N, C-alpha and C. Protein backbone atom coordinates (compact mmCIF):
# COMPACT_ATOMS: atom_id res chain seq x y z
N MET A 1 -23.98 2.76 10.33
CA MET A 1 -23.82 1.30 10.13
C MET A 1 -22.47 1.01 9.51
N ILE A 2 -21.92 1.85 8.71
CA ILE A 2 -20.60 1.58 8.17
C ILE A 2 -19.54 1.57 9.29
N ALA A 3 -19.66 2.40 10.29
CA ALA A 3 -18.77 2.41 11.42
C ALA A 3 -18.76 1.04 12.15
N ASN A 4 -19.99 0.52 12.30
CA ASN A 4 -20.10 -0.78 13.00
C ASN A 4 -19.48 -1.88 12.18
N MET A 5 -19.70 -1.82 10.78
CA MET A 5 -19.13 -2.77 9.90
C MET A 5 -17.57 -2.67 9.92
N SER A 6 -17.08 -1.44 9.91
CA SER A 6 -15.59 -1.26 9.92
C SER A 6 -15.09 -1.82 11.28
N GLU A 7 -15.69 -1.57 12.33
CA GLU A 7 -15.22 -2.04 13.63
C GLU A 7 -15.19 -3.52 13.64
N SER A 8 -16.18 -4.18 13.08
CA SER A 8 -16.22 -5.58 12.99
C SER A 8 -15.12 -6.12 12.13
N LYS A 9 -14.83 -5.46 11.01
CA LYS A 9 -13.68 -5.87 10.19
C LYS A 9 -12.36 -5.65 10.90
N LEU A 10 -12.28 -4.54 11.73
CA LEU A 10 -11.05 -4.31 12.43
C LEU A 10 -10.78 -5.36 13.52
N ASP A 11 -11.86 -5.75 14.12
CA ASP A 11 -11.74 -6.87 15.16
C ASP A 11 -11.36 -8.12 14.53
N LEU A 12 -11.89 -8.48 13.34
CA LEU A 12 -11.53 -9.66 12.60
C LEU A 12 -10.05 -9.60 12.20
N LEU A 13 -9.65 -8.43 11.68
CA LEU A 13 -8.17 -8.26 11.29
C LEU A 13 -7.29 -8.40 12.44
N SER A 14 -7.69 -7.84 13.61
CA SER A 14 -6.85 -8.03 14.78
C SER A 14 -6.66 -9.42 15.25
N ARG A 15 -7.70 -10.23 15.14
CA ARG A 15 -7.68 -11.57 15.50
C ARG A 15 -6.80 -12.39 14.57
N LEU A 16 -6.93 -12.12 13.28
CA LEU A 16 -6.20 -12.83 12.23
C LEU A 16 -4.75 -12.42 12.45
N TRP A 17 -4.44 -11.22 12.76
CA TRP A 17 -3.01 -10.81 12.96
C TRP A 17 -2.47 -11.56 14.14
N GLU A 18 -3.17 -11.59 15.18
CA GLU A 18 -2.69 -12.31 16.36
C GLU A 18 -2.38 -13.81 16.08
N GLU A 19 -3.26 -14.42 15.30
CA GLU A 19 -3.05 -15.80 14.92
C GLU A 19 -1.78 -15.93 14.06
N HIS A 20 -1.65 -14.93 13.16
CA HIS A 20 -0.46 -14.93 12.26
C HIS A 20 0.81 -14.83 13.07
N MET A 21 0.81 -13.95 14.01
CA MET A 21 2.02 -13.72 14.86
C MET A 21 2.36 -14.95 15.63
N ARG A 22 1.40 -15.76 16.04
CA ARG A 22 1.72 -16.99 16.87
C ARG A 22 2.18 -18.17 15.93
N ALA A 23 1.92 -18.05 14.69
CA ALA A 23 2.25 -19.18 13.80
C ALA A 23 3.73 -18.89 13.25
N PRO A 24 4.52 -19.91 13.27
CA PRO A 24 5.88 -19.71 12.69
C PRO A 24 5.75 -19.69 11.16
N PHE A 25 6.78 -18.94 10.64
CA PHE A 25 6.89 -18.93 9.18
C PHE A 25 7.35 -20.27 8.67
N PRO A 26 6.71 -20.82 7.58
CA PRO A 26 7.09 -22.19 7.12
C PRO A 26 8.56 -22.19 6.70
N PRO A 27 9.38 -22.94 7.40
CA PRO A 27 10.83 -23.03 7.11
C PRO A 27 11.14 -23.39 5.64
N ARG A 28 10.28 -24.23 4.98
CA ARG A 28 10.53 -24.61 3.61
C ARG A 28 10.47 -23.51 2.64
N MET A 29 9.86 -22.37 3.03
CA MET A 29 9.68 -21.23 2.17
C MET A 29 10.80 -20.24 2.24
N ARG A 30 11.72 -20.41 3.13
CA ARG A 30 12.88 -19.49 3.21
C ARG A 30 13.78 -19.69 1.94
N GLY A 31 14.06 -18.59 1.29
CA GLY A 31 14.90 -18.66 0.13
C GLY A 31 14.16 -19.28 -1.10
N ARG A 32 12.98 -19.38 -1.04
CA ARG A 32 12.17 -20.02 -2.13
C ARG A 32 11.37 -19.00 -2.92
N GLU A 33 11.35 -19.24 -4.24
CA GLU A 33 10.50 -18.42 -5.15
C GLU A 33 9.54 -19.40 -5.75
N ILE A 34 8.28 -18.95 -5.87
CA ILE A 34 7.19 -19.63 -6.59
C ILE A 34 6.60 -18.63 -7.52
N GLU A 35 6.46 -19.02 -8.82
CA GLU A 35 5.85 -18.14 -9.86
C GLU A 35 6.53 -16.83 -9.81
N GLY A 36 7.84 -16.76 -9.58
CA GLY A 36 8.58 -15.51 -9.59
C GLY A 36 8.49 -14.68 -8.36
N GLU A 37 7.81 -15.19 -7.38
CA GLU A 37 7.61 -14.43 -6.04
C GLU A 37 8.48 -15.00 -4.93
N ASP A 38 9.23 -14.11 -4.32
CA ASP A 38 10.01 -14.47 -3.20
C ASP A 38 9.04 -14.63 -2.00
N MET A 39 8.95 -15.93 -1.48
CA MET A 39 7.90 -16.15 -0.57
C MET A 39 8.09 -15.48 0.85
N VAL A 40 9.31 -15.21 1.23
CA VAL A 40 9.58 -14.47 2.48
C VAL A 40 9.10 -13.01 2.24
N LEU A 41 9.46 -12.44 1.20
CA LEU A 41 9.13 -11.04 0.82
C LEU A 41 7.68 -10.84 0.72
N LEU A 42 6.98 -11.82 0.12
CA LEU A 42 5.50 -11.84 -0.05
C LEU A 42 4.89 -11.73 1.34
N ASP A 43 5.32 -12.64 2.25
CA ASP A 43 4.81 -12.68 3.63
C ASP A 43 5.04 -11.27 4.29
N ALA A 44 6.26 -10.81 4.23
CA ALA A 44 6.70 -9.58 4.90
C ALA A 44 5.97 -8.34 4.38
N ASP A 45 5.78 -8.34 3.07
CA ASP A 45 5.06 -7.10 2.47
C ASP A 45 3.60 -7.04 3.01
N ILE A 46 2.94 -8.19 3.04
CA ILE A 46 1.54 -8.26 3.42
C ILE A 46 1.53 -7.95 4.97
N ALA A 47 2.42 -8.56 5.73
CA ALA A 47 2.44 -8.29 7.11
C ALA A 47 2.65 -6.83 7.51
N GLY A 48 3.48 -6.24 6.74
CA GLY A 48 3.73 -4.76 7.01
C GLY A 48 2.53 -3.94 6.73
N CYS A 49 1.86 -4.20 5.63
CA CYS A 49 0.57 -3.50 5.29
C CYS A 49 -0.51 -3.75 6.37
N ILE A 50 -0.54 -5.00 6.76
CA ILE A 50 -1.58 -5.37 7.86
C ILE A 50 -1.29 -4.61 9.09
N LEU A 51 -0.06 -4.60 9.52
CA LEU A 51 0.30 -3.85 10.75
C LEU A 51 -0.06 -2.33 10.65
N SER A 52 0.21 -1.79 9.47
CA SER A 52 -0.16 -0.39 9.19
C SER A 52 -1.67 -0.24 9.22
N SER A 53 -2.37 -1.19 8.73
CA SER A 53 -3.90 -1.13 8.64
C SER A 53 -4.48 -1.12 10.04
N LEU A 54 -3.88 -1.87 10.96
CA LEU A 54 -4.27 -1.95 12.34
C LEU A 54 -4.07 -0.66 13.07
N SER A 55 -3.23 0.22 12.57
CA SER A 55 -2.95 1.46 13.26
C SER A 55 -3.90 2.61 12.67
N GLY A 56 -4.54 2.36 11.56
CA GLY A 56 -5.39 3.38 10.93
C GLY A 56 -5.54 3.13 9.44
N PRO A 57 -6.28 3.85 8.77
CA PRO A 57 -6.50 3.65 7.33
C PRO A 57 -5.20 3.67 6.59
N LEU A 58 -5.04 2.71 5.59
CA LEU A 58 -3.89 2.64 4.72
C LEU A 58 -3.82 3.80 3.86
N ASP A 59 -2.63 4.41 3.69
CA ASP A 59 -2.48 5.40 2.63
C ASP A 59 -2.46 4.76 1.28
N GLU A 60 -2.52 5.55 0.26
CA GLU A 60 -2.76 5.00 -1.13
C GLU A 60 -1.56 4.10 -1.46
N ARG A 61 -0.38 4.43 -1.21
CA ARG A 61 0.83 3.61 -1.54
C ARG A 61 0.70 2.20 -0.93
N ARG A 62 0.39 2.12 0.35
CA ARG A 62 0.32 0.84 1.03
C ARG A 62 -0.89 0.05 0.53
N ARG A 63 -2.00 0.78 0.21
CA ARG A 63 -3.17 0.04 -0.32
C ARG A 63 -2.80 -0.66 -1.68
N LYS A 64 -2.07 0.11 -2.48
CA LYS A 64 -1.68 -0.46 -3.80
C LYS A 64 -0.75 -1.65 -3.60
N ILE A 65 0.22 -1.55 -2.67
CA ILE A 65 1.08 -2.68 -2.36
C ILE A 65 0.33 -3.89 -1.93
N LEU A 66 -0.70 -3.64 -0.98
CA LEU A 66 -1.45 -4.73 -0.48
C LEU A 66 -2.23 -5.39 -1.65
N LEU A 67 -2.82 -4.61 -2.53
CA LEU A 67 -3.61 -5.18 -3.67
C LEU A 67 -2.71 -6.04 -4.56
N VAL A 68 -1.53 -5.48 -4.88
CA VAL A 68 -0.53 -6.25 -5.69
C VAL A 68 -0.09 -7.49 -5.01
N ARG A 69 0.16 -7.48 -3.78
CA ARG A 69 0.64 -8.65 -3.03
C ARG A 69 -0.54 -9.67 -2.81
N LEU A 70 -1.77 -9.13 -2.76
CA LEU A 70 -2.91 -10.06 -2.66
C LEU A 70 -3.02 -10.85 -3.98
N ALA A 71 -2.81 -10.16 -5.14
CA ALA A 71 -2.86 -10.84 -6.43
C ALA A 71 -1.74 -11.88 -6.46
N ALA A 72 -0.55 -11.52 -5.90
CA ALA A 72 0.62 -12.45 -5.91
C ALA A 72 0.31 -13.70 -5.10
N VAL A 73 -0.36 -13.55 -3.94
CA VAL A 73 -0.75 -14.72 -3.17
C VAL A 73 -1.71 -15.59 -3.94
N GLU A 74 -2.66 -14.99 -4.72
CA GLU A 74 -3.57 -15.71 -5.52
C GLU A 74 -2.82 -16.51 -6.58
N LYS A 75 -1.82 -15.90 -7.13
CA LYS A 75 -1.01 -16.50 -8.18
C LYS A 75 -0.25 -17.72 -7.70
N VAL A 76 0.35 -17.64 -6.50
CA VAL A 76 1.23 -18.70 -6.05
C VAL A 76 0.51 -19.85 -5.29
N LEU A 77 -0.65 -19.57 -4.74
CA LEU A 77 -1.25 -20.69 -4.03
C LEU A 77 -1.51 -21.99 -4.78
N PRO A 78 -1.94 -21.93 -6.03
CA PRO A 78 -2.10 -23.24 -6.68
C PRO A 78 -0.80 -24.01 -6.92
N SER A 79 0.33 -23.34 -6.75
CA SER A 79 1.64 -24.02 -6.90
C SER A 79 2.26 -24.56 -5.68
N ILE A 80 1.59 -24.22 -4.53
CA ILE A 80 2.12 -24.76 -3.24
C ILE A 80 1.67 -26.13 -3.03
N ASP A 81 2.58 -27.07 -2.73
CA ASP A 81 2.22 -28.51 -2.62
C ASP A 81 2.32 -29.01 -1.19
N ASP A 82 2.27 -28.11 -0.15
CA ASP A 82 2.32 -28.55 1.16
C ASP A 82 1.15 -27.98 1.94
N GLU A 83 0.31 -28.73 2.56
CA GLU A 83 -0.94 -28.28 3.21
C GLU A 83 -0.62 -27.18 4.26
N GLY A 84 0.41 -27.39 5.08
CA GLY A 84 0.71 -26.43 6.13
C GLY A 84 1.11 -25.07 5.55
N VAL A 85 1.95 -25.12 4.44
CA VAL A 85 2.34 -23.92 3.78
C VAL A 85 1.08 -23.23 3.13
N THR A 86 0.35 -24.04 2.48
CA THR A 86 -0.91 -23.55 1.87
C THR A 86 -1.73 -22.79 2.91
N GLU A 87 -1.99 -23.40 4.08
CA GLU A 87 -2.73 -22.72 5.14
C GLU A 87 -2.11 -21.41 5.51
N HIS A 88 -0.78 -21.31 5.60
CA HIS A 88 -0.09 -20.06 5.95
C HIS A 88 -0.42 -18.98 5.00
N TYR A 89 -0.28 -19.29 3.67
CA TYR A 89 -0.51 -18.22 2.69
C TYR A 89 -2.02 -18.03 2.43
N GLU A 90 -2.86 -18.95 2.75
CA GLU A 90 -4.34 -18.66 2.70
C GLU A 90 -4.74 -17.71 3.80
N HIS A 91 -4.03 -17.86 4.97
CA HIS A 91 -4.23 -16.95 6.09
C HIS A 91 -3.81 -15.56 5.71
N LEU A 92 -2.67 -15.41 5.00
CA LEU A 92 -2.20 -14.07 4.58
C LEU A 92 -3.14 -13.55 3.56
N ARG A 93 -3.67 -14.32 2.71
CA ARG A 93 -4.73 -13.83 1.73
C ARG A 93 -5.93 -13.36 2.46
N GLU A 94 -6.38 -14.10 3.44
CA GLU A 94 -7.52 -13.64 4.19
C GLU A 94 -7.29 -12.28 4.92
N MET A 95 -6.16 -12.21 5.53
CA MET A 95 -5.86 -10.92 6.22
C MET A 95 -5.81 -9.76 5.18
N ALA A 96 -5.14 -10.02 4.08
CA ALA A 96 -5.03 -8.92 3.04
C ALA A 96 -6.44 -8.52 2.56
N ALA A 97 -7.28 -9.51 2.29
CA ALA A 97 -8.67 -9.25 1.78
C ALA A 97 -9.48 -8.40 2.87
N VAL A 98 -9.34 -8.83 4.15
CA VAL A 98 -10.03 -8.04 5.14
C VAL A 98 -9.52 -6.58 5.27
N ALA A 99 -8.20 -6.43 5.16
CA ALA A 99 -7.58 -5.10 5.22
C ALA A 99 -8.09 -4.29 4.06
N VAL A 100 -8.13 -4.90 2.89
CA VAL A 100 -8.65 -4.11 1.66
C VAL A 100 -10.12 -3.75 1.88
N GLU A 101 -10.94 -4.65 2.37
CA GLU A 101 -12.30 -4.40 2.70
C GLU A 101 -12.50 -3.24 3.73
N LEU A 102 -11.67 -3.35 4.80
CA LEU A 102 -11.67 -2.34 5.82
C LEU A 102 -11.34 -0.95 5.19
N GLY A 103 -10.35 -0.91 4.35
CA GLY A 103 -9.93 0.29 3.68
C GLY A 103 -11.06 0.90 2.86
N ASN A 104 -11.76 -0.06 2.18
CA ASN A 104 -12.92 0.39 1.31
C ASN A 104 -14.00 0.93 2.13
N ALA A 105 -14.24 0.33 3.28
CA ALA A 105 -15.31 0.79 4.17
C ALA A 105 -15.07 2.11 4.81
N THR A 106 -13.75 2.35 5.20
CA THR A 106 -13.44 3.64 5.80
C THR A 106 -13.31 4.81 4.79
N ALA A 107 -13.17 4.43 3.53
CA ALA A 107 -13.03 5.37 2.42
C ALA A 107 -14.41 5.99 1.99
N ARG A 108 -15.46 5.29 2.40
CA ARG A 108 -16.82 5.70 1.96
C ARG A 108 -17.30 6.87 2.74
């Protein structure tokens, strides 16, 4: 049953990744920091971990990075005042959460 659950999460993560790749990065966020977080770097760090997760289980270092960056997204979201930008970072948060769940399922 866990393998089926993992496969389902992997399919979801693949779909979310495809959606992310089709969406442009919000131009307003280039060179911007919110709550001490560089918004381009936040996006790039999560994207790199997601891409790795799609290739196989995350190693411990990438898993830790993903957890830290997931917390950073949670921290900055309330301070974003643009609906389109909010959607972009909510999408990143969703991808990161699915990747963490996927990693937890494969670790069992």
